[in-house]
Amino acid sequence: MKIYSRRSAVVLAGSGALLASAGLLVQTVRAATSSPRVATNGRGVALDGYDTTAYWRTGAAREGTSTQTEQWHGAPWYFADAAAAQMFSTNPEAVAPQFGGFCTRAMSFGKTVNGDPNVWRIYRDKLYLFALPVGGEKFDEGQDAMITLAQQFWDTPD
């Protein structure tokens, strides 16, 4: 028979409370991820504040501004100008990055890592982001295989 001291009881009770609150946290995270997922920065802004329409309009990564913002999937998206914001609001699925802006290569390995807005590819009229340049290089070697693996991970329920 194990004898517990008063200190052990306090630690055990505290651990139980911590585990209970962790359980609530896990439920909250699961509930949040059951809706569309979007990669955001520390300020909660999608695509690290870059204008997702710029890849299509100018063929380059371009920072947006907080004065031109659209809300989509629970996050603010920044745009360089009113025309870009209007283009996005008309059909966000057409210009938003795949996999919520998370790194396509990391997703293909079953990991969730924010994509870098400066490391991107457009393939079959869809925008893909990568955390590092090597991700884009590997993507160029086999786009369909990487997309398939990333999509399988993306579609897996929490």
N, C-alpha and C. Protein backbone atom coordinates (compact mmCIF):
# COMPACT_ATOMS: atom_id res chain seq x y z
N MET A 1 0.84 -1.18 0.00
CA MET A 1 0.00 0.00 0.00
C MET A 1 0.87 1.23 0.00
N LYS A 2 0.59 2.15 -0.91
CA LYS A 2 1.38 3.37 -1.02
C LYS A 2 0.79 4.43 -0.12
N ILE A 3 1.62 5.10 0.63
CA ILE A 3 1.18 6.16 1.53
C ILE A 3 1.51 7.49 0.88
N TYR A 4 0.50 8.34 0.80
CA TYR A 4 0.68 9.67 0.21
C TYR A 4 0.79 10.71 1.30
N SER A 5 1.70 11.60 1.17
CA SER A 5 1.83 12.70 2.11
C SER A 5 0.87 13.82 1.71
N ARG A 6 0.75 14.80 2.57
CA ARG A 6 -0.11 15.95 2.27
C ARG A 6 0.39 16.64 1.00
N ARG A 7 1.72 16.73 0.86
CA ARG A 7 2.31 17.37 -0.32
C ARG A 7 1.93 16.59 -1.59
N SER A 8 2.00 15.26 -1.51
CA SER A 8 1.63 14.43 -2.66
C SER A 8 0.18 14.66 -3.04
N ALA A 9 -0.68 14.79 -2.05
CA ALA A 9 -2.11 15.00 -2.31
C ALA A 9 -2.33 16.34 -3.01
N VAL A 10 -1.61 17.37 -2.58
CA VAL A 10 -1.73 18.69 -3.21
C VAL A 10 -1.23 18.63 -4.65
N VAL A 11 -0.11 17.97 -4.87
CA VAL A 11 0.44 17.84 -6.22
C VAL A 11 -0.51 17.04 -7.10
N LEU A 12 -1.04 15.95 -6.55
CA LEU A 12 -1.97 15.11 -7.30
C LEU A 12 -3.23 15.89 -7.66
N ALA A 13 -3.77 16.65 -6.72
CA ALA A 13 -4.97 17.44 -6.98
C ALA A 13 -4.69 18.51 -8.03
N GLY A 14 -3.53 19.15 -7.92
CA GLY A 14 -3.14 20.16 -8.91
C GLY A 14 -2.97 19.55 -10.29
N SER A 15 -2.41 18.36 -10.35
CA SER A 15 -2.24 17.67 -11.63
C SER A 15 -3.58 17.35 -12.26
N GLY A 16 -4.53 16.93 -11.41
CA GLY A 16 -5.87 16.62 -11.91
C GLY A 16 -6.52 17.85 -12.51
N ALA A 17 -6.38 18.99 -11.83
CA ALA A 17 -6.95 20.23 -12.34
C ALA A 17 -6.28 20.62 -13.65
N LEU A 18 -4.97 20.44 -13.70
CA LEU A 18 -4.22 20.76 -14.92
C LEU A 18 -4.67 19.87 -16.07
N LEU A 19 -4.81 18.58 -15.81
CA LEU A 19 -5.26 17.66 -16.85
C LEU A 19 -6.67 17.99 -17.30
N ALA A 20 -7.53 18.36 -16.36
CA ALA A 20 -8.90 18.71 -16.72
C ALA A 20 -8.90 19.94 -17.61
N SER A 21 -8.10 20.95 -17.25
CA SER A 21 -8.06 22.14 -18.09
C SER A 21 -7.41 21.84 -19.43
N ALA A 22 -6.44 20.93 -19.46
CA ALA A 22 -5.83 20.53 -20.72
C ALA A 22 -6.85 19.83 -21.60
N GLY A 23 -7.71 19.03 -20.98
CA GLY A 23 -8.77 18.37 -21.74
C GLY A 23 -9.69 19.38 -22.38
N LEU A 24 -10.01 20.44 -21.66
CA LEU A 24 -10.84 21.49 -22.22
C LEU A 24 -10.12 22.18 -23.36
N LEU A 25 -8.81 22.38 -23.19
CA LEU A 25 -8.02 23.01 -24.23
C LEU A 25 -8.01 22.16 -25.49
N VAL A 26 -7.83 20.85 -25.33
CA VAL A 26 -7.82 19.96 -26.48
C VAL A 26 -9.17 20.01 -27.20
N GLN A 27 -10.26 20.01 -26.42
CA GLN A 27 -11.58 20.10 -27.04
C GLN A 27 -11.73 21.41 -27.80
N THR A 28 -11.26 22.50 -27.21
CA THR A 28 -11.35 23.80 -27.87
C THR A 28 -10.56 23.80 -29.17
N VAL A 29 -9.35 23.25 -29.13
CA VAL A 29 -8.53 23.20 -30.34
C VAL A 29 -9.21 22.34 -31.40
N ARG A 30 -9.73 21.19 -31.00
CA ARG A 30 -10.41 20.32 -31.96
C ARG A 30 -11.62 21.02 -32.55
N ALA A 31 -12.38 21.72 -31.72
CA ALA A 31 -13.55 22.42 -32.22
C ALA A 31 -13.12 23.51 -33.21
N ALA A 32 -12.02 24.19 -32.90
CA ALA A 32 -11.55 25.25 -33.79
C ALA A 32 -11.05 24.69 -35.10
N THR A 33 -10.40 23.51 -35.08
CA THR A 33 -9.85 22.97 -36.31
C THR A 33 -10.87 22.24 -37.14
N SER A 34 -12.07 22.00 -36.59
CA SER A 34 -13.10 21.37 -37.40
C SER A 34 -13.66 22.35 -38.43
N SER A 35 -13.46 23.63 -38.21
CA SER A 35 -13.82 24.63 -39.21
C SER A 35 -12.62 24.83 -40.12
N PRO A 36 -12.78 25.56 -41.22
CA PRO A 36 -11.63 25.76 -42.12
C PRO A 36 -10.41 26.30 -41.38
N ARG A 37 -9.28 25.73 -41.68
CA ARG A 37 -8.03 26.11 -41.02
C ARG A 37 -7.26 27.09 -41.88
N VAL A 38 -6.69 28.08 -41.24
CA VAL A 38 -5.91 29.10 -41.93
C VAL A 38 -4.64 29.36 -41.14
N ALA A 39 -3.51 29.37 -41.82
CA ALA A 39 -2.23 29.71 -41.18
C ALA A 39 -2.22 31.22 -40.90
N THR A 40 -1.94 31.56 -39.65
CA THR A 40 -1.88 32.97 -39.28
C THR A 40 -0.57 33.25 -38.55
N ASN A 41 -0.19 34.51 -38.55
CA ASN A 41 1.01 34.90 -37.83
C ASN A 41 0.67 35.20 -36.37
N GLY A 42 1.62 35.72 -35.62
CA GLY A 42 1.42 36.01 -34.20
C GLY A 42 0.34 37.04 -33.93
N ARG A 43 -0.01 37.83 -34.92
CA ARG A 43 -1.08 38.82 -34.76
C ARG A 43 -2.43 38.29 -35.25
N GLY A 44 -2.44 37.01 -35.68
CA GLY A 44 -3.68 36.41 -36.15
C GLY A 44 -4.04 36.73 -37.58
N VAL A 45 -3.10 37.28 -38.34
CA VAL A 45 -3.34 37.68 -39.73
C VAL A 45 -2.96 36.55 -40.68
N ALA A 46 -3.84 36.26 -41.62
CA ALA A 46 -3.58 35.22 -42.61
C ALA A 46 -2.44 35.61 -43.53
N LEU A 47 -1.73 34.63 -44.00
CA LEU A 47 -0.67 34.79 -45.00
C LEU A 47 0.37 35.83 -44.59
N ASP A 48 0.57 35.94 -43.28
CA ASP A 48 1.56 36.87 -42.72
C ASP A 48 1.37 38.29 -43.22
N GLY A 49 0.13 38.63 -43.60
CA GLY A 49 -0.18 39.98 -44.05
C GLY A 49 0.07 40.23 -45.52
N TYR A 50 0.41 39.19 -46.27
CA TYR A 50 0.65 39.35 -47.71
C TYR A 50 -0.68 39.29 -48.46
N ASP A 51 -0.70 39.93 -49.60
CA ASP A 51 -1.87 40.00 -50.47
C ASP A 51 -1.91 38.77 -51.36
N THR A 52 -2.86 37.87 -51.11
CA THR A 52 -2.92 36.63 -51.87
C THR A 52 -3.29 36.84 -53.34
N THR A 53 -3.90 37.95 -53.67
CA THR A 53 -4.23 38.21 -55.08
C THR A 53 -3.02 38.63 -55.88
N ALA A 54 -1.97 39.10 -55.21
CA ALA A 54 -0.78 39.59 -55.92
C ALA A 54 -0.10 38.50 -56.73
N TYR A 55 -0.13 37.27 -56.23
CA TYR A 55 0.50 36.17 -56.98
C TYR A 55 -0.15 36.04 -58.35
N TRP A 56 -1.44 36.28 -58.39
CA TRP A 56 -2.21 36.16 -59.63
C TRP A 56 -2.12 37.43 -60.46
N ARG A 57 -2.16 38.58 -59.80
CA ARG A 57 -2.20 39.86 -60.53
C ARG A 57 -0.83 40.32 -61.00
N THR A 58 0.21 40.11 -60.18
CA THR A 58 1.54 40.62 -60.53
C THR A 58 2.60 39.54 -60.65
N GLY A 59 2.27 38.31 -60.25
CA GLY A 59 3.24 37.23 -60.31
C GLY A 59 4.34 37.36 -59.28
N ALA A 60 4.04 38.06 -58.18
CA ALA A 60 5.04 38.27 -57.14
C ALA A 60 4.36 38.33 -55.78
N ALA A 61 5.13 38.03 -54.73
CA ALA A 61 4.63 38.21 -53.37
C ALA A 61 4.61 39.70 -53.06
N ARG A 62 3.52 40.15 -52.46
CA ARG A 62 3.39 41.58 -52.16
C ARG A 62 2.66 41.73 -50.84
N GLU A 63 3.21 42.56 -49.97
CA GLU A 63 2.56 42.78 -48.68
C GLU A 63 1.28 43.57 -48.84
N GLY A 64 0.31 43.21 -48.01
CA GLY A 64 -0.93 43.96 -47.97
C GLY A 64 -0.86 45.00 -46.86
N THR A 65 -1.98 45.65 -46.63
CA THR A 65 -2.04 46.67 -45.60
C THR A 65 -3.28 46.46 -44.74
N SER A 66 -3.20 46.83 -43.49
CA SER A 66 -4.33 46.64 -42.59
C SER A 66 -5.51 47.55 -42.93
N THR A 67 -5.30 48.50 -43.81
CA THR A 67 -6.41 49.37 -44.22
C THR A 67 -7.27 48.72 -45.31
N GLN A 68 -6.77 47.65 -45.93
CA GLN A 68 -7.53 46.90 -46.94
C GLN A 68 -7.63 45.47 -46.45
N THR A 69 -8.66 45.17 -45.69
CA THR A 69 -8.79 43.88 -45.03
C THR A 69 -10.12 43.22 -45.36
N GLU A 70 -10.08 41.92 -45.53
CA GLU A 70 -11.28 41.10 -45.68
C GLU A 70 -11.20 39.98 -44.66
N GLN A 71 -12.31 39.64 -44.04
CA GLN A 71 -12.38 38.52 -43.12
C GLN A 71 -12.80 37.27 -43.89
N TRP A 72 -12.09 36.17 -43.65
CA TRP A 72 -12.45 34.91 -44.30
C TRP A 72 -11.93 33.76 -43.46
N HIS A 73 -12.76 32.80 -43.20
CA HIS A 73 -12.42 31.64 -42.38
C HIS A 73 -11.84 32.03 -41.03
N GLY A 74 -12.41 33.07 -40.44
CA GLY A 74 -12.03 33.46 -39.09
C GLY A 74 -10.74 34.24 -38.96
N ALA A 75 -10.20 34.71 -40.05
CA ALA A 75 -8.94 35.46 -40.00
C ALA A 75 -9.01 36.67 -40.92
N PRO A 76 -8.31 37.74 -40.55
CA PRO A 76 -8.21 38.87 -41.48
C PRO A 76 -7.16 38.59 -42.55
N TRP A 77 -7.47 38.96 -43.76
CA TRP A 77 -6.56 38.85 -44.91
C TRP A 77 -6.28 40.27 -45.37
N TYR A 78 -5.01 40.61 -45.56
CA TYR A 78 -4.62 41.96 -45.97
C TYR A 78 -4.43 42.01 -47.49
N PHE A 79 -4.69 43.21 -48.05
CA PHE A 79 -4.56 43.42 -49.49
C PHE A 79 -3.87 44.74 -49.76
N ALA A 80 -3.24 44.82 -50.92
CA ALA A 80 -2.47 46.01 -51.28
C ALA A 80 -3.38 47.19 -51.63
N ASP A 81 -4.56 46.90 -52.16
CA ASP A 81 -5.46 47.98 -52.56
C ASP A 81 -6.90 47.48 -52.58
N ALA A 82 -7.83 48.38 -52.83
CA ALA A 82 -9.25 48.04 -52.81
C ALA A 82 -9.60 47.05 -53.92
N ALA A 83 -8.97 47.15 -55.07
CA ALA A 83 -9.26 46.22 -56.17
C ALA A 83 -8.87 44.79 -55.78
N ALA A 84 -7.77 44.64 -55.08
CA ALA A 84 -7.33 43.31 -54.64
C ALA A 84 -8.30 42.75 -53.61
N ALA A 85 -8.73 43.58 -52.66
CA ALA A 85 -9.69 43.14 -51.65
C ALA A 85 -11.01 42.74 -52.31
N GLN A 86 -11.43 43.48 -53.31
CA GLN A 86 -12.66 43.15 -54.03
C GLN A 86 -12.52 41.83 -54.80
N MET A 87 -11.37 41.63 -55.44
CA MET A 87 -11.12 40.39 -56.16
C MET A 87 -11.22 39.19 -55.21
N PHE A 88 -10.64 39.33 -54.03
CA PHE A 88 -10.68 38.26 -53.04
C PHE A 88 -12.10 38.02 -52.54
N SER A 89 -12.80 39.08 -52.19
CA SER A 89 -14.13 38.92 -51.61
C SER A 89 -15.11 38.30 -52.59
N THR A 90 -14.88 38.50 -53.88
CA THR A 90 -15.74 37.93 -54.91
C THR A 90 -15.63 36.41 -54.98
N ASN A 91 -14.40 35.89 -54.85
CA ASN A 91 -14.19 34.45 -54.94
C ASN A 91 -12.89 34.07 -54.22
N PRO A 92 -12.90 34.03 -52.89
CA PRO A 92 -11.66 33.76 -52.15
C PRO A 92 -11.04 32.41 -52.46
N GLU A 93 -11.85 31.39 -52.72
CA GLU A 93 -11.31 30.06 -53.01
C GLU A 93 -10.43 30.05 -54.26
N ALA A 94 -10.69 30.97 -55.17
CA ALA A 94 -9.94 31.00 -56.43
C ALA A 94 -8.52 31.53 -56.24
N VAL A 95 -8.30 32.35 -55.22
CA VAL A 95 -6.99 32.99 -55.07
C VAL A 95 -6.28 32.66 -53.76
N ALA A 96 -7.00 32.10 -52.80
CA ALA A 96 -6.37 31.78 -51.51
C ALA A 96 -5.43 30.59 -51.67
N PRO A 97 -4.39 30.53 -50.87
CA PRO A 97 -3.46 29.39 -50.97
C PRO A 97 -4.14 28.09 -50.54
N GLN A 98 -3.70 27.02 -51.13
CA GLN A 98 -4.19 25.70 -50.76
C GLN A 98 -3.73 25.36 -49.34
N PHE A 99 -4.44 24.48 -48.70
CA PHE A 99 -4.11 24.01 -47.36
C PHE A 99 -4.02 25.16 -46.36
N GLY A 100 -4.85 26.18 -46.57
CA GLY A 100 -4.94 27.28 -45.63
C GLY A 100 -3.70 28.13 -45.51
N GLY A 101 -2.77 27.98 -46.45
CA GLY A 101 -1.52 28.73 -46.37
C GLY A 101 -0.43 28.02 -45.59
N PHE A 102 -0.71 26.78 -45.18
CA PHE A 102 0.33 25.98 -44.52
C PHE A 102 1.27 25.43 -45.59
N CYS A 103 2.46 25.05 -45.19
CA CYS A 103 3.47 24.53 -46.10
C CYS A 103 3.01 23.21 -46.71
N THR A 104 2.94 23.17 -48.02
CA THR A 104 2.48 21.97 -48.73
C THR A 104 3.42 20.80 -48.48
N ARG A 105 4.71 21.04 -48.48
CA ARG A 105 5.66 19.94 -48.26
C ARG A 105 5.53 19.38 -46.85
N ALA A 106 5.44 20.25 -45.87
CA ALA A 106 5.28 19.78 -44.49
C ALA A 106 3.98 18.98 -44.36
N MET A 107 2.92 19.46 -45.00
CA MET A 107 1.64 18.74 -44.95
C MET A 107 1.81 17.34 -45.55
N SER A 108 2.63 17.22 -46.60
CA SER A 108 2.84 15.90 -47.23
C SER A 108 3.56 14.94 -46.30
N PHE A 109 4.23 15.47 -45.27
CA PHE A 109 4.89 14.65 -44.25
C PHE A 109 4.03 14.49 -43.00
N GLY A 110 2.80 15.02 -43.06
CA GLY A 110 1.91 14.92 -41.91
C GLY A 110 2.18 15.94 -40.83
N LYS A 111 2.75 17.08 -41.22
CA LYS A 111 3.06 18.14 -40.26
C LYS A 111 2.38 19.43 -40.69
N THR A 112 2.10 20.27 -39.72
CA THR A 112 1.47 21.56 -39.98
C THR A 112 2.46 22.67 -39.65
N VAL A 113 2.93 23.35 -40.69
CA VAL A 113 3.90 24.44 -40.55
C VAL A 113 3.42 25.58 -41.44
N ASN A 114 3.45 26.79 -40.93
CA ASN A 114 3.05 27.93 -41.75
C ASN A 114 3.93 28.05 -42.99
N GLY A 115 3.32 28.37 -44.11
CA GLY A 115 4.07 28.63 -45.32
C GLY A 115 4.67 30.02 -45.28
N ASP A 116 5.74 30.21 -46.01
CA ASP A 116 6.39 31.52 -46.16
C ASP A 116 5.80 32.15 -47.42
N PRO A 117 5.17 33.32 -47.31
CA PRO A 117 4.56 33.95 -48.49
C PRO A 117 5.54 34.22 -49.63
N ASN A 118 6.83 34.21 -49.33
CA ASN A 118 7.83 34.44 -50.38
C ASN A 118 8.29 33.17 -51.07
N VAL A 119 7.79 32.01 -50.62
CA VAL A 119 8.16 30.74 -51.23
C VAL A 119 6.86 30.08 -51.70
N TRP A 120 6.60 30.20 -52.99
CA TRP A 120 5.30 29.80 -53.51
C TRP A 120 5.40 29.27 -54.93
N ARG A 121 4.36 28.56 -55.32
CA ARG A 121 4.22 28.09 -56.69
C ARG A 121 2.75 28.16 -57.06
N ILE A 122 2.46 28.43 -58.31
CA ILE A 122 1.12 28.26 -58.84
C ILE A 122 1.19 27.05 -59.76
N TYR A 123 0.33 26.09 -59.48
CA TYR A 123 0.29 24.85 -60.24
C TYR A 123 -1.17 24.51 -60.50
N ARG A 124 -1.49 24.31 -61.75
CA ARG A 124 -2.88 24.00 -62.15
C ARG A 124 -3.87 24.99 -61.54
N ASP A 125 -3.53 26.26 -61.67
CA ASP A 125 -4.38 27.37 -61.22
C ASP A 125 -4.66 27.37 -59.72
N LYS A 126 -3.73 26.82 -58.93
CA LYS A 126 -3.85 26.86 -57.48
C LYS A 126 -2.52 27.32 -56.89
N LEU A 127 -2.62 28.07 -55.79
CA LEU A 127 -1.46 28.62 -55.11
C LEU A 127 -1.03 27.70 -53.98
N TYR A 128 0.25 27.36 -53.95
CA TYR A 128 0.83 26.52 -52.90
C TYR A 128 1.97 27.28 -52.25
N LEU A 129 2.04 27.22 -50.92
CA LEU A 129 3.12 27.86 -50.17
C LEU A 129 4.02 26.81 -49.54
N PHE A 130 5.24 27.23 -49.23
CA PHE A 130 6.24 26.35 -48.64
C PHE A 130 6.97 27.11 -47.54
N ALA A 131 7.39 26.40 -46.51
CA ALA A 131 8.10 27.03 -45.39
C ALA A 131 9.51 27.44 -45.79
N LEU A 132 10.13 26.66 -46.66
CA LEU A 132 11.52 26.89 -47.08
C LEU A 132 11.66 26.72 -48.59
N PRO A 133 12.67 27.33 -49.19
CA PRO A 133 12.87 27.16 -50.63
C PRO A 133 12.98 25.71 -51.08
N VAL A 134 13.57 24.85 -50.25
CA VAL A 134 13.71 23.44 -50.62
C VAL A 134 12.33 22.81 -50.83
N GLY A 135 11.32 23.27 -50.12
CA GLY A 135 9.97 22.75 -50.30
C GLY A 135 9.46 23.01 -51.71
N GLY A 136 9.70 24.21 -52.20
CA GLY A 136 9.31 24.54 -53.57
C GLY A 136 10.09 23.74 -54.59
N GLU A 137 11.38 23.55 -54.30
CA GLU A 137 12.22 22.77 -55.22
C GLU A 137 11.75 21.31 -55.28
N LYS A 138 11.43 20.74 -54.14
CA LYS A 138 10.93 19.36 -54.11
C LYS A 138 9.56 19.27 -54.78
N PHE A 139 8.75 20.29 -54.62
CA PHE A 139 7.45 20.35 -55.27
C PHE A 139 7.62 20.29 -56.79
N ASP A 140 8.60 21.02 -57.29
CA ASP A 140 8.86 21.05 -58.74
C ASP A 140 9.23 19.66 -59.28
N GLU A 141 9.75 18.81 -58.43
CA GLU A 141 10.16 17.46 -58.84
C GLU A 141 9.00 16.46 -58.91
N GLY A 142 7.89 16.81 -58.29
CA GLY A 142 6.75 15.88 -58.28
C GLY A 142 5.53 16.51 -57.64
N GLN A 143 4.94 17.46 -58.34
CA GLN A 143 3.81 18.21 -57.78
C GLN A 143 2.65 17.33 -57.37
N ASP A 144 2.18 16.48 -58.26
CA ASP A 144 0.98 15.70 -57.99
C ASP A 144 1.14 14.77 -56.79
N ALA A 145 2.29 14.13 -56.68
CA ALA A 145 2.53 13.22 -55.55
C ALA A 145 2.52 13.98 -54.23
N MET A 146 3.17 15.14 -54.19
CA MET A 146 3.21 15.94 -52.96
C MET A 146 1.82 16.44 -52.61
N ILE A 147 1.09 16.91 -53.60
CA ILE A 147 -0.26 17.42 -53.36
C ILE A 147 -1.16 16.31 -52.82
N THR A 148 -1.05 15.12 -53.39
CA THR A 148 -1.87 13.99 -52.94
C THR A 148 -1.61 13.68 -51.47
N LEU A 149 -0.34 13.61 -51.09
CA LEU A 149 0.00 13.32 -49.69
C LEU A 149 -0.46 14.45 -48.77
N ALA A 150 -0.26 15.68 -49.19
CA ALA A 150 -0.70 16.83 -48.39
C ALA A 150 -2.21 16.83 -48.24
N GLN A 151 -2.91 16.52 -49.31
CA GLN A 151 -4.38 16.50 -49.27
C GLN A 151 -4.88 15.40 -48.33
N GLN A 152 -4.22 14.25 -48.34
CA GLN A 152 -4.62 13.16 -47.43
C GLN A 152 -4.49 13.60 -45.98
N PHE A 153 -3.39 14.28 -45.65
CA PHE A 153 -3.22 14.77 -44.28
C PHE A 153 -4.24 15.84 -43.96
N TRP A 154 -4.46 16.75 -44.89
CA TRP A 154 -5.42 17.85 -44.72
C TRP A 154 -6.83 17.30 -44.44
N ASP A 155 -7.19 16.25 -45.15
CA ASP A 155 -8.53 15.69 -45.04
C ASP A 155 -8.73 14.77 -43.84
N THR A 156 -7.64 14.41 -43.15
CA THR A 156 -7.73 13.52 -42.00
C THR A 156 -8.36 14.28 -40.84
N PRO A 157 -9.45 13.72 -40.28
CA PRO A 157 -10.06 14.40 -39.13
C PRO A 157 -9.13 14.43 -37.94
N ASP A 158 -9.31 15.44 -37.12
CA ASP A 158 -8.48 15.58 -35.91
C ASP A 158 -8.69 14.44 -34.96
